[in-house]
Amino acid sequence: QVQLVESGGGLVQAGGSLRLTCAASGRTLSWYAMGWFRQAPGKEREFVAAVSRSGGRTLYADSVKGRFTISRDNAKNMMYLQMNNLQYEDTAVYYCAADPTLRTYTDYQNVGSFTYWGQGTQVTVSS
């Protein structure tokens, strides 16, 4: 088992920045592929970004490419999402997720592929 806790959400103006942190405990973080997903009211949870076990590969949803950066520090059992130039449409609850078995790009982008989830942190962007 691995436990995940998100932090760093808040209220920002459009164009502003936030950095989300996902702190992991219970297992060695390097065993897990990890990702960020978000869910706005009335919408399904959607893929935002993912990072490979070593941190060497990243994937991003088209909507956040060039604005968000995912990274991880396995020595600290942490994953991060740096969010720049935030827009109103980015408003959502952001969740970190982890899974030890993912292999393909499709897996990394699929909500159903991830086994472990945090409780989420609210990001609100004012327009």
N, C-alpha and C. Protein backbone atom coordinates (compact mmCIF):
# COMPACT_ATOMS: atom_id res chain seq x y z
N GLN A 1 0.83 -1.18 0.00
CA GLN A 1 0.00 0.00 0.00
C GLN A 1 0.87 1.25 0.00
N VAL A 2 0.34 2.29 -0.61
CA VAL A 2 0.99 3.59 -0.57
C VAL A 2 -0.09 4.62 -0.25
N GLN A 3 0.26 5.58 0.59
CA GLN A 3 -0.65 6.65 0.93
C GLN A 3 -0.18 7.94 0.26
N LEU A 4 -1.12 8.68 -0.30
CA LEU A 4 -0.81 9.88 -1.05
C LEU A 4 -1.59 11.06 -0.46
N VAL A 5 -0.91 12.17 -0.27
CA VAL A 5 -1.53 13.37 0.27
C VAL A 5 -1.12 14.56 -0.57
N GLU A 6 -2.10 15.25 -1.15
CA GLU A 6 -1.85 16.44 -1.95
C GLU A 6 -1.86 17.69 -1.08
N SER A 7 -1.10 18.68 -1.51
CA SER A 7 -1.12 19.98 -0.86
C SER A 7 -0.72 21.04 -1.88
N GLY A 8 -0.95 22.29 -1.54
CA GLY A 8 -0.52 23.39 -2.38
C GLY A 8 -1.61 24.07 -3.17
N GLY A 9 -2.83 23.57 -3.10
CA GLY A 9 -3.93 24.22 -3.80
C GLY A 9 -4.28 25.55 -3.17
N GLY A 10 -5.08 26.31 -3.88
CA GLY A 10 -5.49 27.61 -3.37
C GLY A 10 -6.20 28.41 -4.43
N LEU A 11 -6.37 29.69 -4.14
CA LEU A 11 -7.04 30.63 -5.03
C LEU A 11 -6.01 31.55 -5.66
N VAL A 12 -6.03 31.63 -6.98
CA VAL A 12 -5.10 32.50 -7.70
C VAL A 12 -5.83 33.22 -8.82
N GLN A 13 -5.28 34.34 -9.25
CA GLN A 13 -5.79 35.04 -10.41
C GLN A 13 -5.35 34.35 -11.69
N ALA A 14 -6.12 34.51 -12.74
CA ALA A 14 -5.70 34.02 -14.04
C ALA A 14 -4.33 34.60 -14.38
N GLY A 15 -3.45 33.74 -14.89
CA GLY A 15 -2.09 34.13 -15.17
C GLY A 15 -1.11 33.84 -14.04
N GLY A 16 -1.64 33.49 -12.88
CA GLY A 16 -0.80 33.20 -11.74
C GLY A 16 -0.29 31.77 -11.74
N SER A 17 0.43 31.43 -10.67
CA SER A 17 1.08 30.13 -10.57
C SER A 17 0.82 29.48 -9.21
N LEU A 18 0.83 28.17 -9.21
CA LEU A 18 0.78 27.37 -8.01
C LEU A 18 1.67 26.15 -8.20
N ARG A 19 2.18 25.62 -7.11
CA ARG A 19 2.87 24.35 -7.16
C ARG A 19 2.19 23.37 -6.22
N LEU A 20 1.71 22.28 -6.79
CA LEU A 20 1.10 21.22 -6.02
C LEU A 20 2.14 20.18 -5.64
N THR A 21 1.97 19.63 -4.46
CA THR A 21 2.87 18.60 -3.97
C THR A 21 2.06 17.37 -3.61
N CYS A 22 2.57 16.22 -3.95
CA CYS A 22 2.00 14.94 -3.54
C CYS A 22 3.05 14.23 -2.71
N ALA A 23 2.75 14.02 -1.45
CA ALA A 23 3.65 13.33 -0.54
C ALA A 23 3.20 11.88 -0.40
N ALA A 24 4.13 10.97 -0.58
CA ALA A 24 3.83 9.55 -0.54
C ALA A 24 4.48 8.89 0.67
N SER A 25 3.81 7.89 1.19
CA SER A 25 4.36 7.12 2.28
C SER A 25 3.87 5.69 2.17
N GLY A 26 4.55 4.79 2.82
CA GLY A 26 4.13 3.40 2.87
C GLY A 26 4.96 2.45 2.00
N ARG A 27 5.40 2.92 0.84
CA ARG A 27 6.21 2.13 -0.07
C ARG A 27 7.24 3.02 -0.75
N THR A 28 8.26 2.40 -1.33
CA THR A 28 9.27 3.14 -2.07
C THR A 28 8.64 3.77 -3.30
N LEU A 29 8.73 5.08 -3.40
CA LEU A 29 8.02 5.80 -4.45
C LEU A 29 8.49 5.41 -5.84
N SER A 30 9.75 5.05 -5.99
CA SER A 30 10.28 4.72 -7.31
C SER A 30 9.64 3.48 -7.92
N TRP A 31 8.91 2.73 -7.15
CA TRP A 31 8.19 1.57 -7.67
C TRP A 31 6.96 1.97 -8.48
N TYR A 32 6.54 3.21 -8.40
CA TYR A 32 5.25 3.63 -8.93
C TYR A 32 5.39 4.66 -10.04
N ALA A 33 4.69 4.42 -11.14
CA ALA A 33 4.38 5.51 -12.04
C ALA A 33 3.36 6.42 -11.36
N MET A 34 3.43 7.71 -11.63
CA MET A 34 2.56 8.64 -10.94
C MET A 34 1.96 9.64 -11.91
N GLY A 35 0.84 10.20 -11.51
CA GLY A 35 0.18 11.18 -12.35
C GLY A 35 -0.67 12.13 -11.56
N TRP A 36 -1.07 13.19 -12.25
CA TRP A 36 -2.02 14.17 -11.73
C TRP A 36 -3.27 14.14 -12.58
N PHE A 37 -4.41 14.17 -11.93
CA PHE A 37 -5.71 14.24 -12.57
C PHE A 37 -6.50 15.36 -11.91
N ARG A 38 -7.53 15.81 -12.60
CA ARG A 38 -8.36 16.86 -12.01
C ARG A 38 -9.82 16.61 -12.33
N GLN A 39 -10.67 17.15 -11.48
CA GLN A 39 -12.10 16.99 -11.66
C GLN A 39 -12.81 18.28 -11.28
N ALA A 40 -13.48 18.86 -12.25
CA ALA A 40 -14.28 20.04 -12.04
C ALA A 40 -15.71 19.63 -11.72
N PRO A 41 -16.47 20.49 -11.05
CA PRO A 41 -17.87 20.15 -10.72
C PRO A 41 -18.67 19.77 -11.96
N GLY A 42 -19.36 18.65 -11.88
CA GLY A 42 -20.19 18.20 -12.98
C GLY A 42 -19.45 17.53 -14.11
N LYS A 43 -18.14 17.37 -13.99
CA LYS A 43 -17.35 16.75 -15.04
C LYS A 43 -16.66 15.49 -14.52
N GLU A 44 -16.26 14.65 -15.46
CA GLU A 44 -15.52 13.46 -15.10
C GLU A 44 -14.07 13.82 -14.78
N ARG A 45 -13.45 12.98 -13.99
CA ARG A 45 -12.04 13.17 -13.70
C ARG A 45 -11.22 12.99 -14.97
N GLU A 46 -10.27 13.90 -15.21
CA GLU A 46 -9.52 13.88 -16.44
C GLU A 46 -8.01 13.92 -16.19
N PHE A 47 -7.30 13.39 -17.14
CA PHE A 47 -5.85 13.33 -17.09
C PHE A 47 -5.24 14.72 -17.23
N VAL A 48 -4.21 14.99 -16.44
CA VAL A 48 -3.47 16.24 -16.53
C VAL A 48 -2.02 15.98 -16.94
N ALA A 49 -1.33 15.14 -16.18
CA ALA A 49 0.08 14.88 -16.45
C ALA A 49 0.49 13.59 -15.77
N ALA A 50 1.54 12.96 -16.27
CA ALA A 50 2.07 11.75 -15.66
C ALA A 50 3.58 11.73 -15.79
N VAL A 51 4.23 11.00 -14.91
CA VAL A 51 5.68 10.91 -14.90
C VAL A 51 6.09 9.46 -14.63
N SER A 52 7.12 9.02 -15.34
CA SER A 52 7.60 7.66 -15.19
C SER A 52 8.28 7.46 -13.85
N ARG A 53 8.58 6.22 -13.55
CA ARG A 53 9.13 5.87 -12.24
C ARG A 53 10.43 6.58 -11.91
N SER A 54 11.28 6.76 -12.90
CA SER A 54 12.55 7.43 -12.70
C SER A 54 12.46 8.95 -12.86
N GLY A 55 11.36 9.42 -13.40
CA GLY A 55 11.22 10.83 -13.70
C GLY A 55 11.71 11.22 -15.07
N GLY A 56 12.18 10.25 -15.86
CA GLY A 56 12.77 10.53 -17.15
C GLY A 56 11.79 10.81 -18.27
N ARG A 57 10.57 10.39 -18.12
CA ARG A 57 9.56 10.62 -19.14
C ARG A 57 8.34 11.28 -18.52
N THR A 58 7.75 12.18 -19.27
CA THR A 58 6.55 12.87 -18.83
C THR A 58 5.52 12.90 -19.94
N LEU A 59 4.26 12.98 -19.56
CA LEU A 59 3.15 13.13 -20.49
C LEU A 59 2.25 14.24 -19.98
N TYR A 60 1.65 14.97 -20.92
CA TYR A 60 0.76 16.06 -20.56
C TYR A 60 -0.48 16.05 -21.42
N ALA A 61 -1.59 16.44 -20.81
CA ALA A 61 -2.78 16.71 -21.58
C ALA A 61 -2.52 17.92 -22.47
N ASP A 62 -3.14 17.94 -23.65
CA ASP A 62 -2.93 19.05 -24.57
C ASP A 62 -3.29 20.39 -23.94
N SER A 63 -4.27 20.39 -23.07
CA SER A 63 -4.75 21.62 -22.47
C SER A 63 -3.75 22.29 -21.53
N VAL A 64 -2.74 21.54 -21.08
CA VAL A 64 -1.79 22.10 -20.12
C VAL A 64 -0.36 22.12 -20.63
N LYS A 65 -0.10 21.61 -21.82
CA LYS A 65 1.25 21.59 -22.37
C LYS A 65 1.81 23.00 -22.46
N GLY A 66 3.04 23.15 -22.02
CA GLY A 66 3.69 24.45 -22.04
C GLY A 66 3.41 25.30 -20.83
N ARG A 67 2.43 24.92 -20.02
CA ARG A 67 2.08 25.67 -18.82
C ARG A 67 2.37 24.91 -17.53
N PHE A 68 2.16 23.60 -17.54
CA PHE A 68 2.35 22.77 -16.36
C PHE A 68 3.60 21.92 -16.52
N THR A 69 4.27 21.66 -15.41
CA THR A 69 5.44 20.79 -15.41
C THR A 69 5.31 19.79 -14.27
N ILE A 70 5.37 18.51 -14.60
CA ILE A 70 5.33 17.47 -13.59
C ILE A 70 6.75 17.00 -13.30
N SER A 71 7.03 16.72 -12.05
CA SER A 71 8.35 16.23 -11.67
C SER A 71 8.21 15.38 -10.41
N ARG A 72 9.28 14.68 -10.09
CA ARG A 72 9.27 13.87 -8.87
C ARG A 72 10.66 13.83 -8.26
N ASP A 73 10.69 13.62 -6.97
CA ASP A 73 11.92 13.47 -6.23
C ASP A 73 11.76 12.21 -5.39
N ASN A 74 12.24 11.10 -5.92
CA ASN A 74 12.04 9.82 -5.25
C ASN A 74 12.75 9.76 -3.90
N ALA A 75 13.87 10.45 -3.76
CA ALA A 75 14.59 10.46 -2.50
C ALA A 75 13.76 11.09 -1.39
N LYS A 76 12.89 12.02 -1.75
CA LYS A 76 12.03 12.70 -0.79
C LYS A 76 10.61 12.15 -0.78
N ASN A 77 10.34 11.16 -1.62
CA ASN A 77 8.99 10.59 -1.74
C ASN A 77 7.96 11.67 -2.08
N MET A 78 8.31 12.50 -3.07
CA MET A 78 7.46 13.61 -3.44
C MET A 78 7.25 13.65 -4.96
N MET A 79 6.09 14.11 -5.35
CA MET A 79 5.80 14.44 -6.74
C MET A 79 5.22 15.85 -6.76
N TYR A 80 5.50 16.58 -7.84
CA TYR A 80 5.11 17.98 -7.92
C TYR A 80 4.40 18.27 -9.24
N LEU A 81 3.57 19.28 -9.20
CA LEU A 81 2.99 19.82 -10.41
C LEU A 81 3.12 21.34 -10.34
N GLN A 82 4.04 21.88 -11.12
CA GLN A 82 4.19 23.32 -11.22
C GLN A 82 3.21 23.82 -12.27
N MET A 83 2.32 24.70 -11.87
CA MET A 83 1.28 25.20 -12.75
C MET A 83 1.49 26.70 -12.96
N ASN A 84 1.80 27.07 -14.19
CA ASN A 84 2.01 28.47 -14.55
C ASN A 84 0.93 28.94 -15.51
N ASN A 85 0.76 30.25 -15.58
CA ASN A 85 -0.25 30.84 -16.46
C ASN A 85 -1.60 30.15 -16.30
N LEU A 86 -2.03 30.04 -15.06
CA LEU A 86 -3.29 29.37 -14.78
C LEU A 86 -4.46 30.11 -15.39
N GLN A 87 -5.43 29.35 -15.86
CA GLN A 87 -6.63 29.89 -16.48
C GLN A 87 -7.85 29.43 -15.71
N TYR A 88 -8.97 30.14 -15.90
CA TYR A 88 -10.19 29.79 -15.21
C TYR A 88 -10.57 28.33 -15.44
N GLU A 89 -10.32 27.84 -16.63
CA GLU A 89 -10.68 26.47 -16.98
C GLU A 89 -9.86 25.43 -16.23
N ASP A 90 -8.80 25.85 -15.56
CA ASP A 90 -8.00 24.94 -14.75
C ASP A 90 -8.61 24.70 -13.37
N THR A 91 -9.64 25.43 -13.03
CA THR A 91 -10.28 25.27 -11.73
C THR A 91 -10.83 23.86 -11.57
N ALA A 92 -10.41 23.19 -10.52
CA ALA A 92 -10.81 21.80 -10.29
C ALA A 92 -10.18 21.32 -8.99
N VAL A 93 -10.62 20.17 -8.54
CA VAL A 93 -9.90 19.44 -7.50
C VAL A 93 -8.84 18.61 -8.19
N TYR A 94 -7.61 18.75 -7.74
CA TYR A 94 -6.48 18.04 -8.34
C TYR A 94 -6.09 16.87 -7.47
N TYR A 95 -5.96 15.71 -8.09
CA TYR A 95 -5.63 14.48 -7.40
C TYR A 95 -4.30 13.92 -7.89
N CYS A 96 -3.49 13.43 -6.98
CA CYS A 96 -2.34 12.65 -7.39
C CYS A 96 -2.69 11.18 -7.35
N ALA A 97 -2.02 10.42 -8.18
CA ALA A 97 -2.31 9.00 -8.30
C ALA A 97 -1.02 8.23 -8.54
N ALA A 98 -1.03 6.96 -8.18
CA ALA A 98 0.15 6.11 -8.34
C ALA A 98 -0.26 4.70 -8.67
N ASP A 99 0.59 4.03 -9.43
CA ASP A 99 0.36 2.63 -9.77
C ASP A 99 1.69 1.96 -10.10
N PRO A 100 1.89 0.73 -9.64
CA PRO A 100 3.17 0.06 -9.89
C PRO A 100 3.24 -0.73 -11.18
N THR A 101 2.16 -0.82 -11.96
CA THR A 101 2.10 -1.75 -13.08
C THR A 101 1.98 -1.11 -14.46
N LEU A 102 1.87 0.20 -14.56
CA LEU A 102 1.58 0.83 -15.84
C LEU A 102 2.73 0.67 -16.82
N ARG A 103 2.37 0.44 -18.11
CA ARG A 103 3.37 0.17 -19.14
C ARG A 103 3.26 1.06 -20.36
N THR A 104 2.06 1.45 -20.74
CA THR A 104 1.86 2.14 -22.01
C THR A 104 1.41 3.58 -21.80
N TYR A 105 1.54 4.38 -22.87
CA TYR A 105 1.06 5.75 -22.83
C TYR A 105 -0.43 5.82 -22.53
N THR A 106 -1.17 4.87 -23.09
CA THR A 106 -2.60 4.81 -22.83
C THR A 106 -2.87 4.59 -21.34
N ASP A 107 -2.12 3.69 -20.72
CA ASP A 107 -2.27 3.44 -19.30
C ASP A 107 -2.03 4.70 -18.48
N TYR A 108 -0.99 5.43 -18.82
CA TYR A 108 -0.61 6.61 -18.05
C TYR A 108 -1.67 7.70 -18.10
N GLN A 109 -2.50 7.71 -19.13
CA GLN A 109 -3.49 8.76 -19.33
C GLN A 109 -4.90 8.34 -18.92
N ASN A 110 -5.04 7.17 -18.37
CA ASN A 110 -6.35 6.61 -18.06
C ASN A 110 -6.60 6.61 -16.56
N VAL A 111 -7.65 7.28 -16.15
CA VAL A 111 -8.02 7.31 -14.73
C VAL A 111 -8.14 5.91 -14.15
N GLY A 112 -8.74 5.01 -14.92
CA GLY A 112 -8.97 3.66 -14.45
C GLY A 112 -7.73 2.82 -14.29
N SER A 113 -6.59 3.28 -14.80
CA SER A 113 -5.36 2.52 -14.72
C SER A 113 -4.64 2.69 -13.38
N PHE A 114 -4.97 3.73 -12.64
CA PHE A 114 -4.27 4.04 -11.40
C PHE A 114 -4.99 3.46 -10.20
N THR A 115 -4.24 2.82 -9.34
CA THR A 115 -4.80 2.13 -8.19
C THR A 115 -4.92 3.00 -6.95
N TYR A 116 -3.92 3.83 -6.70
CA TYR A 116 -3.85 4.60 -5.46
C TYR A 116 -4.07 6.08 -5.72
N TRP A 117 -4.88 6.70 -4.89
CA TRP A 117 -5.27 8.09 -5.06
C TRP A 117 -5.19 8.86 -3.76
N GLY A 118 -4.84 10.14 -3.88
CA GLY A 118 -4.95 11.03 -2.75
C GLY A 118 -6.35 11.57 -2.61
N GLN A 119 -6.56 12.42 -1.62
CA GLN A 119 -7.88 12.98 -1.35
C GLN A 119 -8.19 14.22 -2.18
N GLY A 120 -7.19 14.80 -2.80
CA GLY A 120 -7.39 15.95 -3.66
C GLY A 120 -7.12 17.28 -2.98
N THR A 121 -6.76 18.26 -3.78
CA THR A 121 -6.57 19.62 -3.30
C THR A 121 -7.22 20.58 -4.29
N GLN A 122 -7.95 21.55 -3.77
CA GLN A 122 -8.73 22.46 -4.60
C GLN A 122 -7.84 23.54 -5.20
N VAL A 123 -7.97 23.73 -6.50
CA VAL A 123 -7.34 24.84 -7.21
C VAL A 123 -8.46 25.68 -7.81
N THR A 124 -8.49 26.95 -7.45
CA THR A 124 -9.50 27.85 -7.97
C THR A 124 -8.81 29.03 -8.63
N VAL A 125 -9.15 29.29 -9.88
CA VAL A 125 -8.55 30.38 -10.65
C VAL A 125 -9.64 31.40 -10.95
N SER A 126 -9.44 32.61 -10.52
CA SER A 126 -10.41 33.67 -10.77
C SER A 126 -10.18 34.27 -12.14
N SER A 127 -11.26 34.57 -12.84
CA SER A 127 -11.17 35.12 -14.19
C SER A 127 -11.25 36.63 -14.17
